[in-house]
Amino acid sequence: MHQPHTRAAAAPAVDTTELVMVGAHGGAGTSTLSALLYGWDLGSIGNSIEPGRPPVRAHGRPLVVVCRNTVPAARYATAAVTALETWDERIAVLAIVSDGQPEPKDAVARFALLAGRVGHLSRVPYVRALRLVDSPLDVKLPARAWGALMHLRALAEAGPTAPGRPA
């Protein structure tokens, strides 16, 4: 039986950075990642787009856009990045959440093109147990998944500009 994570056990030891997380599409995994990383869950960006208003304002906090690893998800991620760029929001991380299947070549290519428009790309492995519980905090994550989450957080805290990229 898995031991549920407690807030103290799941959160990084010294966590003062609030992550702002928005999905490029519904079902991306934004709520799950927000719960696991104690970020602000803004839902899907599609629900926030209104003419003349920014879809998201991170106010200096690291902004993470979440999507699945499929071709349609890559298209939605491109649209989300474009919408956020229009309002001068800098994306710290594009989190690409696996659906358990190999990433299609077209999706890989589209994500590679997006890499130049966001601070970092971070791939999050599929964890079947997360589909079987009401709260992601009830799942003891495999080491690989936990490591990917901590890497995602570190990239987000590093900010939107990767080494060698212009600010």
N, C-alpha and C. Protein backbone atom coordinates (compact mmCIF):
# COMPACT_ATOMS: atom_id res chain seq x y z
N MET A 1 0.84 -1.18 0.00
CA MET A 1 0.00 0.00 0.00
C MET A 1 0.88 1.24 0.00
N HIS A 2 0.52 2.21 -0.81
CA HIS A 2 1.30 3.44 -0.91
C HIS A 2 1.03 4.36 0.27
N GLN A 3 2.08 4.99 0.74
CA GLN A 3 1.94 6.00 1.78
C GLN A 3 1.57 7.32 1.12
N PRO A 4 0.53 7.99 1.59
CA PRO A 4 0.19 9.28 0.99
C PRO A 4 1.26 10.31 1.31
N HIS A 5 1.50 11.19 0.33
CA HIS A 5 2.42 12.29 0.57
C HIS A 5 1.76 13.30 1.49
N THR A 6 2.53 13.88 2.33
CA THR A 6 2.03 15.02 3.09
C THR A 6 2.61 16.25 2.44
N ARG A 7 2.04 17.39 2.71
CA ARG A 7 2.55 18.63 2.12
C ARG A 7 4.03 18.78 2.41
N ALA A 8 4.45 18.51 3.64
CA ALA A 8 5.86 18.67 4.01
C ALA A 8 6.75 17.68 3.25
N ALA A 9 6.27 16.47 3.05
CA ALA A 9 7.08 15.47 2.38
C ALA A 9 7.15 15.70 0.88
N ALA A 10 6.08 16.21 0.29
CA ALA A 10 6.03 16.35 -1.16
C ALA A 10 6.70 17.62 -1.66
N ALA A 11 6.65 18.67 -0.88
CA ALA A 11 7.20 19.95 -1.32
C ALA A 11 8.71 19.95 -1.22
N PRO A 12 9.39 20.67 -2.10
CA PRO A 12 10.83 20.80 -1.99
C PRO A 12 11.20 21.39 -0.63
N ALA A 13 12.39 21.07 -0.14
CA ALA A 13 12.81 21.47 1.20
C ALA A 13 12.73 22.97 1.41
N VAL A 14 13.23 23.74 0.47
CA VAL A 14 13.19 25.20 0.60
C VAL A 14 12.42 25.72 -0.60
N ASP A 15 11.13 25.84 -0.45
CA ASP A 15 10.29 26.24 -1.58
C ASP A 15 9.63 27.57 -1.29
N THR A 16 10.16 28.61 -1.91
CA THR A 16 9.56 29.92 -1.74
C THR A 16 8.98 30.43 -3.06
N THR A 17 9.20 29.70 -4.12
CA THR A 17 8.74 30.13 -5.43
C THR A 17 7.36 29.56 -5.73
N GLU A 18 6.42 30.42 -6.02
CA GLU A 18 5.09 29.98 -6.43
C GLU A 18 5.09 29.84 -7.94
N LEU A 19 4.73 28.66 -8.42
CA LEU A 19 4.64 28.43 -9.86
C LEU A 19 3.23 28.74 -10.32
N VAL A 20 3.11 29.37 -11.48
CA VAL A 20 1.82 29.62 -12.11
C VAL A 20 1.72 28.61 -13.25
N MET A 21 0.69 27.77 -13.22
CA MET A 21 0.56 26.69 -14.19
C MET A 21 -0.73 26.82 -14.97
N VAL A 22 -0.60 26.75 -16.30
CA VAL A 22 -1.77 26.84 -17.17
C VAL A 22 -1.67 25.74 -18.22
N GLY A 23 -2.80 25.12 -18.52
CA GLY A 23 -2.83 24.07 -19.52
C GLY A 23 -2.98 24.65 -20.91
N ALA A 24 -2.28 24.06 -21.86
CA ALA A 24 -2.44 24.44 -23.26
C ALA A 24 -3.78 23.94 -23.78
N HIS A 25 -4.34 22.94 -23.10
CA HIS A 25 -5.62 22.33 -23.48
C HIS A 25 -6.17 21.61 -22.26
N GLY A 26 -7.42 21.27 -22.31
CA GLY A 26 -8.02 20.50 -21.23
C GLY A 26 -7.41 19.11 -21.17
N GLY A 27 -7.30 18.55 -19.97
CA GLY A 27 -6.76 17.20 -19.83
C GLY A 27 -5.25 17.11 -19.96
N ALA A 28 -4.57 18.24 -19.89
CA ALA A 28 -3.12 18.25 -20.07
C ALA A 28 -2.38 17.68 -18.86
N GLY A 29 -3.01 17.75 -17.69
CA GLY A 29 -2.34 17.34 -16.47
C GLY A 29 -1.99 18.52 -15.58
N THR A 30 -2.54 19.67 -15.90
CA THR A 30 -2.23 20.89 -15.15
C THR A 30 -2.63 20.78 -13.68
N SER A 31 -3.82 20.28 -13.41
CA SER A 31 -4.27 20.16 -12.03
C SER A 31 -3.40 19.17 -11.25
N THR A 32 -3.03 18.09 -11.88
CA THR A 32 -2.17 17.10 -11.23
C THR A 32 -0.81 17.70 -10.91
N LEU A 33 -0.18 18.34 -11.90
CA LEU A 33 1.13 18.94 -11.65
C LEU A 33 1.04 20.06 -10.62
N SER A 34 -0.02 20.85 -10.68
CA SER A 34 -0.19 21.93 -9.71
C SER A 34 -0.30 21.37 -8.29
N ALA A 35 -1.02 20.28 -8.14
CA ALA A 35 -1.15 19.67 -6.82
C ALA A 35 0.19 19.12 -6.34
N LEU A 36 0.90 18.44 -7.21
CA LEU A 36 2.17 17.84 -6.82
C LEU A 36 3.26 18.88 -6.56
N LEU A 37 3.21 20.00 -7.26
CA LEU A 37 4.24 21.04 -7.12
C LEU A 37 3.74 22.24 -6.32
N TYR A 38 2.52 22.16 -5.81
CA TYR A 38 1.92 23.24 -5.05
C TYR A 38 1.96 24.56 -5.81
N GLY A 39 1.56 24.48 -7.08
CA GLY A 39 1.51 25.66 -7.93
C GLY A 39 0.09 26.18 -8.03
N TRP A 40 -0.03 27.34 -8.66
CA TRP A 40 -1.34 27.93 -8.92
C TRP A 40 -1.91 27.27 -10.16
N ASP A 41 -3.05 26.63 -10.05
CA ASP A 41 -3.70 25.95 -11.16
C ASP A 41 -4.67 26.91 -11.83
N LEU A 42 -4.31 27.38 -13.02
CA LEU A 42 -5.18 28.31 -13.75
C LEU A 42 -6.06 27.61 -14.77
N GLY A 43 -6.02 26.28 -14.79
CA GLY A 43 -6.85 25.54 -15.75
C GLY A 43 -6.33 25.67 -17.16
N SER A 44 -7.21 25.49 -18.11
CA SER A 44 -6.85 25.56 -19.53
C SER A 44 -6.87 27.00 -20.02
N ILE A 45 -5.87 27.36 -20.80
CA ILE A 45 -5.77 28.73 -21.31
C ILE A 45 -6.95 29.06 -22.22
N GLY A 46 -7.53 28.06 -22.85
CA GLY A 46 -8.66 28.30 -23.75
C GLY A 46 -9.83 28.96 -23.04
N ASN A 47 -9.96 28.70 -21.75
CA ASN A 47 -11.03 29.30 -20.96
C ASN A 47 -10.74 30.74 -20.58
N SER A 48 -9.51 31.19 -20.80
CA SER A 48 -9.08 32.51 -20.35
C SER A 48 -8.91 33.53 -21.47
N ILE A 49 -9.08 33.10 -22.70
CA ILE A 49 -8.82 34.01 -23.83
C ILE A 49 -10.06 34.85 -24.11
N GLU A 50 -9.87 36.17 -23.96
CA GLU A 50 -10.90 37.16 -24.27
C GLU A 50 -10.24 38.28 -25.05
N PRO A 51 -10.91 38.81 -26.05
CA PRO A 51 -10.33 39.91 -26.82
C PRO A 51 -9.94 41.09 -25.91
N GLY A 52 -8.73 41.58 -26.11
CA GLY A 52 -8.29 42.76 -25.39
C GLY A 52 -7.83 42.52 -23.96
N ARG A 53 -7.79 41.26 -23.52
CA ARG A 53 -7.34 40.95 -22.15
C ARG A 53 -6.30 39.84 -22.19
N PRO A 54 -5.27 39.97 -21.36
CA PRO A 54 -4.27 38.88 -21.32
C PRO A 54 -4.89 37.62 -20.74
N PRO A 55 -4.57 36.45 -21.32
CA PRO A 55 -5.15 35.21 -20.81
C PRO A 55 -4.60 34.84 -19.43
N VAL A 56 -3.37 35.25 -19.15
CA VAL A 56 -2.70 34.92 -17.89
C VAL A 56 -1.77 36.06 -17.53
N ARG A 57 -1.70 36.37 -16.26
CA ARG A 57 -0.70 37.31 -15.75
C ARG A 57 0.02 36.63 -14.61
N ALA A 58 1.30 36.32 -14.79
CA ALA A 58 2.07 35.62 -13.78
C ALA A 58 2.69 36.58 -12.75
N HIS A 59 2.74 37.85 -13.07
CA HIS A 59 3.27 38.87 -12.15
C HIS A 59 4.64 38.50 -11.59
N GLY A 60 5.53 38.07 -12.48
CA GLY A 60 6.90 37.77 -12.09
C GLY A 60 7.14 36.36 -11.58
N ARG A 61 6.07 35.61 -11.36
CA ARG A 61 6.23 34.22 -10.92
C ARG A 61 6.55 33.36 -12.14
N PRO A 62 7.25 32.25 -11.94
CA PRO A 62 7.53 31.36 -13.08
C PRO A 62 6.24 30.82 -13.68
N LEU A 63 6.13 30.94 -14.99
CA LEU A 63 4.95 30.48 -15.72
C LEU A 63 5.26 29.15 -16.40
N VAL A 64 4.44 28.15 -16.13
CA VAL A 64 4.60 26.82 -16.70
C VAL A 64 3.37 26.53 -17.55
N VAL A 65 3.58 26.21 -18.83
CA VAL A 65 2.50 25.78 -19.71
C VAL A 65 2.58 24.26 -19.80
N VAL A 66 1.45 23.60 -19.60
CA VAL A 66 1.40 22.14 -19.54
C VAL A 66 0.63 21.61 -20.75
N CYS A 67 1.16 20.55 -21.36
CA CYS A 67 0.45 19.89 -22.46
C CYS A 67 0.79 18.40 -22.46
N ARG A 68 0.04 17.63 -23.21
CA ARG A 68 0.34 16.21 -23.39
C ARG A 68 1.39 16.07 -24.50
N ASN A 69 1.78 14.85 -24.79
CA ASN A 69 2.83 14.61 -25.77
C ASN A 69 2.30 14.12 -27.11
N THR A 70 1.19 14.68 -27.55
CA THR A 70 0.56 14.27 -28.80
C THR A 70 0.66 15.38 -29.84
N VAL A 71 0.35 15.05 -31.08
CA VAL A 71 0.38 16.06 -32.15
C VAL A 71 -0.66 17.16 -31.90
N PRO A 72 -1.92 16.82 -31.58
CA PRO A 72 -2.88 17.90 -31.29
C PRO A 72 -2.44 18.75 -30.09
N ALA A 73 -1.86 18.11 -29.08
CA ALA A 73 -1.39 18.86 -27.90
C ALA A 73 -0.28 19.84 -28.29
N ALA A 74 0.60 19.44 -29.19
CA ALA A 74 1.67 20.33 -29.65
C ALA A 74 1.08 21.53 -30.38
N ARG A 75 0.00 21.32 -31.13
CA ARG A 75 -0.68 22.44 -31.80
C ARG A 75 -1.28 23.39 -30.77
N TYR A 76 -1.93 22.83 -29.76
CA TYR A 76 -2.49 23.68 -28.70
C TYR A 76 -1.38 24.41 -27.93
N ALA A 77 -0.28 23.73 -27.70
CA ALA A 77 0.85 24.37 -27.00
C ALA A 77 1.38 25.54 -27.81
N THR A 78 1.46 25.38 -29.13
CA THR A 78 1.91 26.47 -30.00
C THR A 78 0.96 27.65 -29.90
N ALA A 79 -0.34 27.39 -29.90
CA ALA A 79 -1.33 28.47 -29.79
C ALA A 79 -1.23 29.14 -28.41
N ALA A 80 -1.02 28.37 -27.36
CA ALA A 80 -0.91 28.93 -26.01
C ALA A 80 0.33 29.81 -25.90
N VAL A 81 1.45 29.32 -26.40
CA VAL A 81 2.69 30.10 -26.36
C VAL A 81 2.51 31.40 -27.14
N THR A 82 1.89 31.33 -28.29
CA THR A 82 1.65 32.53 -29.10
C THR A 82 0.76 33.52 -28.37
N ALA A 83 -0.31 33.04 -27.76
CA ALA A 83 -1.22 33.93 -27.02
C ALA A 83 -0.50 34.60 -25.86
N LEU A 84 0.34 33.86 -25.16
CA LEU A 84 1.06 34.43 -24.02
C LEU A 84 2.14 35.40 -24.47
N GLU A 85 2.82 35.09 -25.56
CA GLU A 85 3.84 36.00 -26.11
C GLU A 85 3.22 37.32 -26.54
N THR A 86 2.01 37.28 -27.05
CA THR A 86 1.32 38.49 -27.49
C THR A 86 1.20 39.49 -26.35
N TRP A 87 1.09 38.99 -25.12
CA TRP A 87 0.95 39.83 -23.94
C TRP A 87 2.25 39.91 -23.14
N ASP A 88 3.37 39.58 -23.79
CA ASP A 88 4.71 39.68 -23.17
C ASP A 88 4.88 38.82 -21.93
N GLU A 89 4.15 37.73 -21.84
CA GLU A 89 4.37 36.78 -20.75
C GLU A 89 5.50 35.84 -21.18
N ARG A 90 6.48 35.68 -20.33
CA ARG A 90 7.60 34.80 -20.63
C ARG A 90 7.36 33.45 -19.96
N ILE A 91 7.45 32.42 -20.75
CA ILE A 91 7.17 31.07 -20.27
C ILE A 91 8.47 30.44 -19.78
N ALA A 92 8.50 30.08 -18.50
CA ALA A 92 9.70 29.48 -17.94
C ALA A 92 9.87 28.04 -18.44
N VAL A 93 8.76 27.28 -18.47
CA VAL A 93 8.83 25.87 -18.83
C VAL A 93 7.60 25.46 -19.62
N LEU A 94 7.82 24.70 -20.68
CA LEU A 94 6.74 23.97 -21.34
C LEU A 94 6.86 22.54 -20.83
N ALA A 95 5.91 22.13 -19.99
CA ALA A 95 5.91 20.78 -19.42
C ALA A 95 5.11 19.86 -20.33
N ILE A 96 5.77 18.85 -20.85
CA ILE A 96 5.16 17.91 -21.78
C ILE A 96 4.92 16.60 -21.03
N VAL A 97 3.64 16.32 -20.78
CA VAL A 97 3.25 15.19 -19.94
C VAL A 97 2.96 13.98 -20.83
N SER A 98 3.63 12.88 -20.56
CA SER A 98 3.46 11.67 -21.34
C SER A 98 2.09 11.05 -21.12
N ASP A 99 1.56 10.46 -22.18
CA ASP A 99 0.31 9.71 -22.07
C ASP A 99 0.57 8.21 -22.01
N GLY A 100 1.84 7.84 -21.84
CA GLY A 100 2.20 6.44 -21.74
C GLY A 100 2.59 5.81 -23.06
N GLN A 101 2.41 6.54 -24.14
CA GLN A 101 2.76 6.05 -25.47
C GLN A 101 3.98 6.81 -25.99
N PRO A 102 4.69 6.23 -26.95
CA PRO A 102 5.82 6.97 -27.53
C PRO A 102 5.35 8.29 -28.14
N GLU A 103 6.18 9.31 -28.02
CA GLU A 103 5.84 10.62 -28.57
C GLU A 103 5.93 10.57 -30.09
N PRO A 104 4.87 10.95 -30.80
CA PRO A 104 4.89 10.92 -32.27
C PRO A 104 5.97 11.88 -32.83
N LYS A 105 6.55 11.48 -33.96
CA LYS A 105 7.62 12.29 -34.58
C LYS A 105 7.16 13.71 -34.87
N ASP A 106 5.92 13.88 -35.33
CA ASP A 106 5.43 15.24 -35.61
C ASP A 106 5.35 16.08 -34.33
N ALA A 107 4.98 15.45 -33.23
CA ALA A 107 4.93 16.18 -31.95
C ALA A 107 6.35 16.55 -31.51
N VAL A 108 7.29 15.62 -31.64
CA VAL A 108 8.69 15.90 -31.29
C VAL A 108 9.19 17.10 -32.08
N ALA A 109 8.88 17.14 -33.38
CA ALA A 109 9.33 18.25 -34.22
C ALA A 109 8.69 19.57 -33.80
N ARG A 110 7.40 19.54 -33.50
CA ARG A 110 6.72 20.78 -33.09
C ARG A 110 7.24 21.27 -31.74
N PHE A 111 7.50 20.36 -30.82
CA PHE A 111 8.05 20.77 -29.52
C PHE A 111 9.46 21.33 -29.68
N ALA A 112 10.23 20.76 -30.61
CA ALA A 112 11.58 21.29 -30.87
C ALA A 112 11.51 22.73 -31.37
N LEU A 113 10.52 23.03 -32.20
CA LEU A 113 10.35 24.40 -32.67
C LEU A 113 9.94 25.34 -31.52
N LEU A 114 9.15 24.82 -30.59
CA LEU A 114 8.74 25.64 -29.44
C LEU A 114 9.88 25.89 -28.46
N ALA A 115 10.89 25.04 -28.48
CA ALA A 115 12.00 25.17 -27.52
C ALA A 115 12.66 26.54 -27.60
N GLY A 116 12.69 27.14 -28.77
CA GLY A 116 13.27 28.46 -28.92
C GLY A 116 12.39 29.60 -28.44
N ARG A 117 11.15 29.28 -28.07
CA ARG A 117 10.20 30.31 -27.66
C ARG A 117 9.87 30.26 -26.17
N VAL A 118 10.38 29.26 -25.49
CA VAL A 118 10.15 29.12 -24.05
C VAL A 118 11.50 28.96 -23.37
N GLY A 119 11.52 29.15 -22.06
CA GLY A 119 12.78 29.00 -21.35
C GLY A 119 13.33 27.59 -21.42
N HIS A 120 12.47 26.61 -21.15
CA HIS A 120 12.91 25.21 -21.08
C HIS A 120 11.78 24.28 -21.48
N LEU A 121 12.14 23.12 -21.98
CA LEU A 121 11.18 22.02 -22.17
C LEU A 121 11.45 21.02 -21.06
N SER A 122 10.38 20.44 -20.52
CA SER A 122 10.53 19.42 -19.48
C SER A 122 9.52 18.32 -19.76
N ARG A 123 10.01 17.10 -19.86
CA ARG A 123 9.12 15.97 -20.11
C ARG A 123 8.81 15.26 -18.79
N VAL A 124 7.53 15.02 -18.58
CA VAL A 124 7.05 14.38 -17.35
C VAL A 124 6.57 12.98 -17.71
N PRO A 125 7.12 11.95 -17.06
CA PRO A 125 6.73 10.58 -17.42
C PRO A 125 5.31 10.24 -17.00
N TYR A 126 4.76 9.27 -17.69
CA TYR A 126 3.43 8.74 -17.38
C TYR A 126 3.48 7.96 -16.07
N VAL A 127 2.50 8.19 -15.21
CA VAL A 127 2.37 7.43 -13.96
C VAL A 127 0.92 6.93 -13.89
N ARG A 128 0.74 5.67 -14.17
CA ARG A 128 -0.60 5.09 -14.23
C ARG A 128 -1.39 5.30 -12.94
N ALA A 129 -0.72 5.20 -11.81
CA ALA A 129 -1.41 5.31 -10.52
C ALA A 129 -2.12 6.66 -10.36
N LEU A 130 -1.64 7.69 -11.02
CA LEU A 130 -2.29 9.01 -10.91
C LEU A 130 -3.69 9.02 -11.52
N ARG A 131 -3.95 8.09 -12.43
CA ARG A 131 -5.28 8.01 -13.06
C ARG A 131 -6.29 7.30 -12.17
N LEU A 132 -5.81 6.69 -11.09
CA LEU A 132 -6.66 5.82 -10.29
C LEU A 132 -7.06 6.41 -8.95
N VAL A 133 -6.69 7.65 -8.67
CA VAL A 133 -6.96 8.26 -7.36
C VAL A 133 -7.62 9.63 -7.54
N ASP A 134 -8.30 10.06 -6.50
CA ASP A 134 -8.90 11.39 -6.52
C ASP A 134 -7.86 12.48 -6.33
N SER A 135 -6.86 12.22 -5.50
CA SER A 135 -5.83 13.21 -5.22
C SER A 135 -4.46 12.68 -5.60
N PRO A 136 -3.71 13.43 -6.40
CA PRO A 136 -2.37 12.98 -6.75
C PRO A 136 -1.46 12.85 -5.54
N LEU A 137 -1.82 13.51 -4.44
CA LEU A 137 -1.00 13.44 -3.23
C LEU A 137 -1.13 12.08 -2.54
N ASP A 138 -2.09 11.26 -2.99
CA ASP A 138 -2.26 9.91 -2.44
C ASP A 138 -1.36 8.88 -3.10
N VAL A 139 -0.59 9.31 -4.08
CA VAL A 139 0.25 8.38 -4.85
C VAL A 139 1.71 8.57 -4.44
N LYS A 140 2.36 7.45 -4.14
CA LYS A 140 3.81 7.48 -3.93
C LYS A 140 4.42 7.39 -5.33
N LEU A 141 5.01 8.47 -5.76
CA LEU A 141 5.54 8.54 -7.12
C LEU A 141 6.81 7.71 -7.27
N PRO A 142 6.96 7.07 -8.43
CA PRO A 142 8.23 6.40 -8.71
C PRO A 142 9.37 7.43 -8.72
N ALA A 143 10.56 6.98 -8.42
CA ALA A 143 11.72 7.89 -8.34
C ALA A 143 11.90 8.68 -9.63
N ARG A 144 11.69 8.04 -10.77
CA ARG A 144 11.87 8.73 -12.06
C ARG A 144 10.89 9.89 -12.20
N ALA A 145 9.64 9.67 -11.80
CA ALA A 145 8.63 10.73 -11.89
C ALA A 145 8.93 11.84 -10.89
N TRP A 146 9.30 11.46 -9.67
CA TRP A 146 9.62 12.47 -8.65
C TRP A 146 10.81 13.31 -9.11
N GLY A 147 11.81 12.66 -9.67
CA GLY A 147 12.98 13.39 -10.19
C GLY A 147 12.59 14.34 -11.31
N ALA A 148 11.69 13.91 -12.18
CA ALA A 148 11.23 14.78 -13.28
C ALA A 148 10.51 16.01 -12.73
N LEU A 149 9.71 15.82 -11.68
CA LEU A 149 9.01 16.96 -11.07
C LEU A 149 9.97 17.94 -10.43
N MET A 150 10.97 17.42 -9.74
CA MET A 150 11.95 18.31 -9.10
C MET A 150 12.79 19.03 -10.15
N HIS A 151 13.06 18.34 -11.26
CA HIS A 151 13.79 18.98 -12.37
C HIS A 151 12.93 20.09 -12.99
N LEU A 152 11.64 19.81 -13.19
CA LEU A 152 10.72 20.81 -13.72
C LEU A 152 10.72 22.05 -12.82
N ARG A 153 10.60 21.82 -11.52
CA ARG A 153 10.59 22.94 -10.58
C ARG A 153 11.89 23.73 -10.66
N ALA A 154 13.01 23.04 -10.72
CA ALA A 154 14.31 23.73 -10.79
C ALA A 154 14.41 24.56 -12.07
N LEU A 155 13.94 24.02 -13.18
CA LEU A 155 13.95 24.78 -14.44
C LEU A 155 13.06 26.02 -14.33
N ALA A 156 11.88 25.84 -13.73
CA ALA A 156 10.95 26.98 -13.58
C ALA A 156 11.56 28.05 -12.70
N GLU A 157 12.21 27.64 -11.62
CA GLU A 157 12.81 28.61 -10.71
C GLU A 157 14.01 29.30 -11.34
N ALA A 158 14.66 28.63 -12.30
CA ALA A 158 15.80 29.24 -13.00
C ALA A 158 15.34 30.38 -13.90
N GLY A 159 14.06 30.37 -14.26
CA GLY A 159 13.50 31.45 -15.07
C GLY A 159 13.35 31.07 -16.52
N PRO A 160 12.78 32.00 -17.28
CA PRO A 160 12.44 31.69 -18.67
C PRO A 160 13.60 31.71 -19.64
N THR A 161 14.76 32.17 -19.25
CA THR A 161 15.87 32.26 -20.21
C THR A 161 16.88 31.17 -19.92
N ALA A 162 17.05 30.29 -20.89
CA ALA A 162 18.05 29.23 -20.77
C ALA A 162 19.43 29.81 -21.04
N PRO A 163 20.49 29.17 -20.52
CA PRO A 163 21.84 29.65 -20.79
C PRO A 163 22.09 29.74 -22.29
N GLY A 164 22.67 30.85 -22.70
CA GLY A 164 22.97 31.05 -24.11
C GLY A 164 21.84 31.65 -24.92
N ARG A 165 20.66 31.79 -24.32
CA ARG A 165 19.53 32.42 -25.02
C ARG A 165 19.45 33.88 -24.62
N PRO A 166 19.09 34.74 -25.55
CA PRO A 166 18.94 36.15 -25.18
C PRO A 166 17.78 36.33 -24.21
N ALA A 167 17.92 37.31 -23.36
CA ALA A 167 16.85 37.60 -22.36
C ALA A 167 15.68 38.27 -23.01
